[in-house]
């Protein structure tokens, strides 16, 4: 990935997404590009040719786009409910990066049971990003659909899940209500798309027993499997939405509202994808996009702050710690078994 807005087009290392959502590093050299040797003594021409060869080879390597994922989701959603444009669309539709070339594309909708369906996409010669989410209205306790995909020419970092609104480890009734029937689906893709490595215990609270957290080298087979997983997971989520009954108990609605607000507050503060947006469009616009588009609802669903929900992150000066994990425990292997039972307490981190 390159630093957009820099005066030079030479790639500079920047953070790349991981499970929370992203946490590894990528440079142009890590793409393992081998441009042809140029038989010339002209130094200036040689550098230009090398850069051109590098760019062309990246384009040649990236054979997929996430556009078909989003188009499928929108088309399929329209078969189940009535989608209308979100008021966010007026302000958040596209943003041109500081390089004057890369465009961040956004779409946003709402529906009778959906508070917000939104997507953010970035595509250029160095990377492809898809951040797709569907958030239910507080009158429904259905999970949050989450698809965070990051790709370069050589690697893909993937999170796909029906993020639980409530604690699936402590609240067995909620887990059984929404995930018991989906465990076979999760097992199927856990075998095809293996666990991607360490995931902190703090992040784990926001994932379900069927989460797909994986990394893989780019190949047509892997990308076909990913598309199949996205289709099946999204169809499963739409079925849950269709069957969901509107809650009328005020206390439960407030519980749902706070649970979603807690989720949004965590993501808005700790999601490492912020670094990408900061380098693309600057810190101020990046923060605005994260808070008021990607995780819209922080100011509307509640008034609690990050440290109200997660006091363990408070520093001595009262600020929020930048650490990903305070507990210090992480899971190298999948912490759920084939029955969807949490076994994280019984495995080494």
Protein backbone atom coordinates (compact mmCIF):
# COMPACT_ATOMS: atom_id res chain seq x y z
CA UNK A 1 0.00 0.00 0.00
CA UNK A 2 1.23 3.48 -0.76
CA UNK A 3 0.92 6.68 1.18
CA UNK A 4 -1.59 8.73 -0.77
CA UNK A 5 -0.95 12.39 -0.89
CA UNK A 6 2.83 11.97 -0.75
CA UNK A 7 4.87 13.82 -3.32
CA UNK A 8 6.42 10.60 -4.55
CA UNK A 9 4.60 7.52 -5.86
CA UNK A 10 7.18 5.21 -4.30
CA UNK A 11 5.34 2.87 -1.88
CA UNK A 12 5.85 3.51 1.84
CA UNK A 13 4.90 1.01 4.56
CA UNK A 14 1.53 1.60 6.19
CA UNK A 15 -0.70 -0.53 8.44
CA UNK A 16 -2.92 -3.04 6.70
CA UNK A 17 -6.15 -4.57 8.10
CA UNK A 18 -6.21 -7.64 10.47
CA UNK A 19 -8.91 -9.32 12.55
CA UNK A 20 -9.96 -6.31 14.58
CA UNK A 21 -10.13 -5.53 11.67
CA UNK A 22 -6.50 -5.36 10.40
CA UNK A 23 -3.06 -5.73 11.98
CA UNK A 24 -0.22 -6.60 9.65
CA UNK A 25 2.13 -4.63 7.45
CA UNK A 26 2.63 -4.57 3.69
CA UNK A 27 5.06 -2.79 1.42
CA UNK A 28 5.60 -2.90 -2.30
CA UNK A 29 8.53 -5.24 -1.74
CA UNK A 30 6.25 -7.70 0.05
CA UNK A 31 4.25 -8.10 -3.15
CA UNK A 32 7.20 -10.06 -4.54
CA UNK A 33 7.23 -8.26 -7.83
CA UNK A 34 10.02 -9.11 -10.26
CA UNK A 35 10.03 -6.55 -13.06
CA UNK A 36 12.17 -7.39 -16.09
CA UNK A 37 15.75 -6.22 -16.22
CA UNK A 38 16.12 -3.19 -18.45
CA UNK A 39 19.03 -2.94 -20.85
CA UNK A 40 19.69 0.76 -20.64
CA UNK A 41 22.27 3.06 -19.17
CA UNK A 42 19.75 5.87 -18.75
CA UNK A 43 19.17 5.92 -14.96
CA UNK A 44 16.08 8.14 -15.11
CA UNK A 45 14.44 5.98 -17.80
CA UNK A 46 15.30 2.83 -15.89
CA UNK A 47 13.51 4.01 -12.73
CA UNK A 48 10.41 5.02 -14.68
CA UNK A 49 10.31 1.69 -16.48
CA UNK A 50 10.72 -0.22 -13.25
CA UNK A 51 7.84 1.66 -11.65
CA UNK A 52 5.66 1.06 -14.70
CA UNK A 53 6.52 -2.62 -14.74
CA UNK A 54 5.75 -2.84 -11.03
CA UNK A 55 2.35 -1.21 -11.49
CA UNK A 56 1.45 -3.35 -14.52
CA UNK A 57 2.42 -6.50 -12.72
CA UNK A 58 0.22 -5.61 -9.73
CA UNK A 59 -2.72 -5.03 -12.06
CA UNK A 60 -2.03 -8.32 -13.81
CA UNK A 61 -1.94 -10.16 -10.50
CA UNK A 62 -5.21 -8.78 -9.16
CA UNK A 63 -7.87 -10.65 -11.09
CA UNK A 64 -10.84 -10.01 -8.82
CA UNK A 65 -12.97 -7.18 -7.57
CA UNK A 66 -15.25 -6.99 -4.57
CA UNK A 67 -17.88 -5.17 -6.63
CA UNK A 68 -19.75 -8.39 -7.33
CA UNK A 69 -19.98 -9.10 -3.59
CA UNK A 70 -21.73 -5.78 -2.98
CA UNK A 71 -23.96 -6.10 -6.01
CA UNK A 72 -25.07 -9.54 -4.87
CA UNK A 73 -25.82 -8.25 -1.36
CA UNK A 74 -27.91 -5.35 -2.64
CA UNK A 75 -29.81 -7.46 -5.17
CA UNK A 76 -30.47 -10.22 -2.62
CA UNK A 77 -31.57 -7.76 0.06
CA UNK A 78 -34.14 -6.27 -2.30
CA UNK A 79 -35.71 -9.73 -2.63
CA UNK A 80 -36.34 -9.76 1.14
CA UNK A 81 -37.17 -6.18 2.11
CA UNK A 82 -37.72 -2.67 0.81
CA UNK A 83 -34.45 -0.76 0.65
CA UNK A 84 -34.41 3.03 0.58
CA UNK A 85 -31.43 5.37 0.49
CA UNK A 86 -30.05 6.43 3.85
CA UNK A 87 -29.87 10.15 4.71
CA UNK A 88 -26.11 9.54 4.98
CA UNK A 89 -25.95 9.20 1.19
CA UNK A 90 -26.10 12.96 0.69
CA UNK A 91 -22.79 13.51 2.46
CA UNK A 92 -21.09 10.13 2.13
CA UNK A 93 -20.99 8.79 -1.43
CA UNK A 94 -17.45 9.23 -2.69
CA UNK A 95 -14.25 10.86 -1.52
CA UNK A 96 -11.17 11.53 -3.63
CA UNK A 97 -7.92 10.64 -1.90
CA UNK A 98 -5.11 13.14 -1.53
CA UNK A 99 -3.27 11.56 -4.45
CA UNK A 100 -6.01 12.84 -6.75
CA UNK A 101 -6.53 9.36 -8.19
CA UNK A 102 -7.86 6.89 -5.62
CA UNK A 103 -11.57 7.17 -4.93
CA UNK A 104 -13.34 5.88 -1.84
CA UNK A 105 -16.83 4.73 -2.81
CA UNK A 106 -19.69 4.51 -0.30
CA UNK A 107 -23.28 3.32 -0.40
CA UNK A 108 -25.85 3.40 2.39
CA UNK A 109 -29.46 2.22 2.78
CA UNK A 110 -32.08 1.52 5.39
CA UNK A 111 -35.08 -0.82 5.59
CA UNK A 112 -37.98 -1.64 7.94
CA UNK A 113 -35.77 -3.85 10.15
CA UNK A 114 -32.42 -2.34 9.16
CA UNK A 115 -31.06 0.81 10.78
CA UNK A 116 -28.16 0.99 8.35
CA UNK A 117 -26.78 -1.08 5.49
CA UNK A 118 -23.56 0.45 4.27
CA UNK A 119 -20.39 -0.32 2.37
CA UNK A 120 -17.05 1.39 1.85
CA UNK A 121 -14.84 0.28 -1.05
CA UNK A 122 -11.33 1.24 -2.09
CA UNK A 123 -9.61 -0.06 -5.21
CA UNK A 124 -6.28 0.97 -6.72
CA UNK A 125 -3.14 -0.66 -8.06
CA UNK A 126 -1.94 -1.55 -4.56
CA UNK A 127 -4.97 -2.79 -2.66
CA UNK A 128 -8.65 -3.55 -2.56
CA UNK A 129 -10.77 -2.93 0.52
CA UNK A 130 -14.39 -3.84 1.24
CA UNK A 131 -16.00 -2.86 4.55
CA UNK A 132 -19.62 -4.04 4.42
CA UNK A 133 -21.95 -3.97 7.41
CA UNK A 134 -25.66 -4.27 8.17
CA UNK A 135 -26.96 -2.98 11.51
CA UNK A 136 -30.45 -3.89 12.78
CA UNK A 137 -32.84 -1.47 14.39
CA UNK A 138 -32.87 -1.67 18.22
CA UNK A 139 -36.30 -3.32 18.10
CA UNK A 140 -34.56 -6.45 16.77
CA UNK A 141 -31.77 -8.39 18.47
CA UNK A 142 -30.48 -10.08 15.30
CA UNK A 143 -26.69 -10.13 14.77
CA UNK A 144 -24.77 -7.46 12.87
CA UNK A 145 -23.59 -8.64 9.47
CA UNK A 146 -19.87 -7.91 9.07
CA UNK A 147 -17.60 -8.42 6.06
CA UNK A 148 -14.16 -6.78 6.21
CA UNK A 149 -11.91 -7.79 3.30
CA UNK A 150 -8.45 -6.46 2.48
CA UNK A 151 -6.43 -7.63 -0.51
CA UNK A 152 -3.13 -6.92 -2.23
CA UNK A 153 -1.63 -8.74 -5.19
CA UNK A 154 -0.14 -11.37 -2.90
CA UNK A 155 -2.35 -11.67 0.14
CA UNK A 156 -5.91 -11.45 1.45
CA UNK A 157 -6.98 -10.71 5.03
CA UNK A 158 -10.57 -11.62 5.73
CA UNK A 159 -13.16 -11.25 8.49
CA UNK A 160 -16.68 -12.51 7.77
CA UNK A 161 -19.21 -12.95 10.53
CA UNK A 162 -22.65 -12.43 11.94
CA UNK A 163 -21.38 -10.37 14.88
CA UNK A 164 -23.50 -11.15 17.96
CA UNK A 165 -25.42 -8.30 19.52
CA UNK A 166 -25.17 -10.01 22.91
CA UNK A 167 -22.53 -12.21 24.57
CA UNK A 168 -22.61 -15.66 22.95
CA UNK A 169 -20.21 -17.10 25.52
CA UNK A 170 -22.15 -16.08 28.62
CA UNK A 171 -25.68 -16.03 27.14
CA UNK A 172 -26.34 -19.52 25.81
CA UNK A 173 -29.97 -18.73 24.99
CA UNK A 174 -28.90 -15.98 22.58
CA UNK A 175 -26.26 -18.23 21.01
CA UNK A 176 -28.74 -21.05 20.47
CA UNK A 177 -31.38 -18.67 19.13
CA UNK A 178 -29.25 -17.38 16.28
CA UNK A 179 -26.25 -19.67 15.81
CA UNK A 180 -27.23 -23.24 16.68
CA UNK A 181 -28.63 -23.88 13.21
CA UNK A 182 -25.66 -22.14 11.57
CA UNK A 183 -22.87 -24.17 13.20
CA UNK A 184 -22.62 -26.63 10.23
CA UNK A 185 -22.17 -23.64 7.91
CA UNK A 186 -19.40 -22.30 10.12
CA UNK A 187 -17.67 -25.70 10.29
CA UNK A 188 -17.80 -26.01 6.51
CA UNK A 189 -15.94 -22.78 5.90
CA UNK A 190 -13.63 -23.14 8.90
CA UNK A 191 -12.17 -26.12 7.02
CA UNK A 192 -11.94 -24.31 3.70
CA UNK A 193 -10.68 -21.01 5.15
CA UNK A 194 -8.53 -21.88 8.21
CA UNK A 195 -8.09 -19.65 11.27
CA UNK A 196 -5.86 -16.67 10.48
CA UNK A 197 -3.75 -16.50 13.65
CA UNK A 198 -3.82 -14.67 16.96
CA UNK A 199 -7.02 -12.89 17.93
CA UNK A 200 -7.19 -10.95 21.19
CA UNK A 201 -9.67 -11.93 23.88
CA UNK A 202 -11.11 -8.39 23.84
CA UNK A 203 -11.90 -8.64 20.11
CA UNK A 204 -13.27 -12.15 20.50
CA UNK A 205 -16.24 -10.80 22.47
CA UNK A 206 -17.55 -9.26 19.27
CA UNK A 207 -17.33 -12.42 17.15
CA UNK A 208 -19.58 -15.45 16.88
CA UNK A 209 -18.83 -19.20 16.83
CA UNK A 210 -19.10 -19.13 13.02
CA UNK A 211 -16.66 -16.27 12.40
CA UNK A 212 -14.32 -16.61 9.44
CA UNK A 213 -11.00 -14.95 10.31
CA UNK A 214 -8.43 -16.01 7.75
CA UNK A 215 -5.47 -15.03 5.59
CA UNK A 216 -4.61 -16.58 2.25
CA UNK A 217 -2.50 -16.02 -0.83
CA UNK A 218 -4.39 -14.73 -3.84
CA UNK A 219 -5.70 -17.48 -6.09
CA UNK A 220 -8.90 -18.04 -8.11
CA UNK A 221 -9.81 -21.01 -5.90
CA UNK A 222 -9.54 -19.08 -2.63
CA UNK A 223 -11.49 -16.14 -4.02
CA UNK A 224 -14.24 -18.43 -5.31
CA UNK A 225 -14.50 -20.00 -1.86
CA UNK A 226 -14.66 -16.55 -0.26
CA UNK A 227 -17.46 -15.46 -2.59
CA UNK A 228 -19.37 -18.65 -1.84
CA UNK A 229 -18.94 -18.05 1.90
CA UNK A 230 -20.12 -14.45 1.58
CA UNK A 231 -23.21 -15.54 -0.36
CA UNK A 232 -24.13 -18.28 2.12
CA UNK A 233 -23.48 -16.16 5.20
CA UNK A 234 -25.48 -13.26 3.84
CA UNK A 235 -28.40 -15.46 2.84
CA UNK A 236 -28.32 -16.91 6.36
CA UNK A 237 -28.41 -13.40 7.84
CA UNK A 238 -31.32 -12.39 5.59
CA UNK A 239 -33.25 -15.44 6.78
CA UNK A 240 -32.71 -14.37 10.38
CA UNK A 241 -33.94 -10.91 9.47
CA UNK A 242 -37.04 -12.31 7.77
CA UNK A 243 -37.92 -14.38 10.84
CA UNK A 244 -37.15 -11.69 13.43
CA UNK A 245 -40.10 -10.45 15.46
CA UNK A 246 -40.22 -6.84 16.58
CA UNK A 247 -39.51 -6.43 20.28
CA UNK A 248 -42.14 -4.50 22.24
CA UNK A 249 -40.58 -4.73 25.70
CA UNK A 250 -39.01 -1.35 26.41
CA UNK A 251 -36.32 -2.80 28.65
CA UNK A 252 -35.19 -5.27 26.00
CA UNK A 253 -35.17 -2.58 23.31
CA UNK A 254 -32.94 -0.45 25.53
CA UNK A 255 -30.66 -3.47 26.09
CA UNK A 256 -30.40 -4.01 22.34
CA UNK A 257 -29.70 -0.32 21.83
CA UNK A 258 -26.90 -0.28 24.40
CA UNK A 259 -25.40 -3.51 23.05
CA UNK A 260 -25.16 -2.04 19.56
CA UNK A 261 -23.83 1.24 20.92
CA UNK A 262 -21.12 -0.66 22.82
CA UNK A 263 -20.18 -2.48 19.61
CA UNK A 264 -20.00 0.75 17.62
CA UNK A 265 -17.97 2.46 20.33
CA UNK A 266 -15.40 -0.36 20.34
CA UNK A 267 -15.09 -0.47 16.58
CA UNK A 268 -14.83 3.29 16.17
CA UNK A 269 -12.02 3.48 18.73
CA UNK A 270 -10.04 0.28 18.13
CA UNK A 271 -10.54 -0.61 14.50
CA UNK A 272 -7.03 -0.47 12.94
CA UNK A 273 -8.50 0.31 9.52
CA UNK A 274 -8.38 3.95 10.61
CA UNK A 275 -4.74 4.09 9.53
CA UNK A 276 -5.65 3.45 5.92
CA UNK A 277 -8.21 6.24 5.81
CA UNK A 278 -5.85 8.64 7.58
CA UNK A 279 -3.25 8.15 4.87
CA UNK A 280 -5.81 8.37 2.09
CA UNK A 281 -7.81 11.44 3.09
CA UNK A 282 -6.16 12.88 6.20
CA UNK A 283 -6.83 12.47 9.91
CA UNK A 284 -9.80 14.83 10.23
CA UNK A 285 -11.81 13.47 7.29
CA UNK A 286 -10.78 9.93 8.17
CA UNK A 287 -12.12 10.23 11.73
CA UNK A 288 -15.33 11.78 10.46
CA UNK A 289 -15.88 8.93 8.01
CA UNK A 290 -15.22 6.30 10.68
CA UNK A 291 -17.48 7.83 13.31
CA UNK A 292 -20.28 9.23 11.20
CA UNK A 293 -20.46 6.70 8.38
CA UNK A 294 -18.81 3.35 9.09
CA UNK A 295 -20.04 3.30 12.69
CA UNK A 296 -22.90 5.73 12.47
CA UNK A 297 -25.07 5.56 15.58
CA UNK A 298 -22.50 6.41 18.24
CA UNK A 299 -24.11 9.81 18.83
CA UNK A 300 -27.65 8.57 18.18
CA UNK A 301 -27.96 5.32 20.16
CA UNK A 302 -26.33 6.32 23.44
CA UNK A 303 -24.22 8.80 25.36
CA UNK A 304 -21.66 6.52 27.01
CA UNK A 305 -18.00 6.95 26.09
CA UNK A 306 -15.42 4.27 25.34
CA UNK A 307 -14.04 4.22 28.88
CA UNK A 308 -17.55 3.81 30.31
CA UNK A 309 -17.77 0.47 28.53
CA UNK A 310 -14.10 -0.49 28.73
CA UNK A 311 -12.60 1.12 31.88
CA UNK A 312 -9.62 -1.24 31.77
CA UNK A 313 -8.25 0.87 28.87
CA UNK A 314 -7.96 4.02 31.00
CA UNK A 315 -4.42 5.40 31.29
CA UNK A 316 -3.13 7.28 34.32
CA UNK A 317 -3.72 10.56 32.50
CA UNK A 318 -7.34 9.60 31.86
CA UNK A 319 -6.81 8.96 28.15
CA UNK A 320 -7.64 5.76 26.26
CA UNK A 321 -4.77 3.32 25.95
CA UNK A 322 -3.66 2.66 22.38
CA UNK A 323 -2.95 -0.98 23.20
CA UNK A 324 -5.00 -3.56 21.32
CA UNK A 325 -5.18 -5.83 24.35
CA UNK A 326 -5.07 -5.09 28.06
CA UNK A 327 -5.70 -8.64 29.22
CA UNK A 328 -2.85 -9.87 27.03
CA UNK A 329 -4.54 -13.13 26.04
CA UNK A 330 -4.92 -14.12 22.40
CA UNK A 331 -6.03 -17.18 20.48
CA UNK A 332 -3.68 -18.72 17.95
CA UNK A 333 -6.24 -21.39 17.08
CA UNK A 334 -10.00 -21.38 16.67
CA UNK A 335 -11.52 -21.13 20.18
CA UNK A 336 -14.79 -22.88 19.29
CA UNK A 337 -15.26 -26.58 18.60
CA UNK A 338 -17.31 -28.23 15.87
CA UNK A 339 -20.44 -27.98 18.04
CA UNK A 340 -20.02 -24.24 18.51
CA UNK A 341 -18.94 -24.63 22.13
CA UNK A 342 -16.36 -22.14 23.37
CA UNK A 343 -13.14 -23.94 24.29
CA UNK A 344 -10.91 -20.89 24.56
CA UNK A 345 -10.40 -21.36 28.28
CA UNK A 346 -9.01 -24.84 27.62
CA UNK A 347 -6.45 -24.04 24.93
CA UNK A 348 -3.13 -22.28 25.12
CA UNK A 349 -3.06 -18.71 23.84
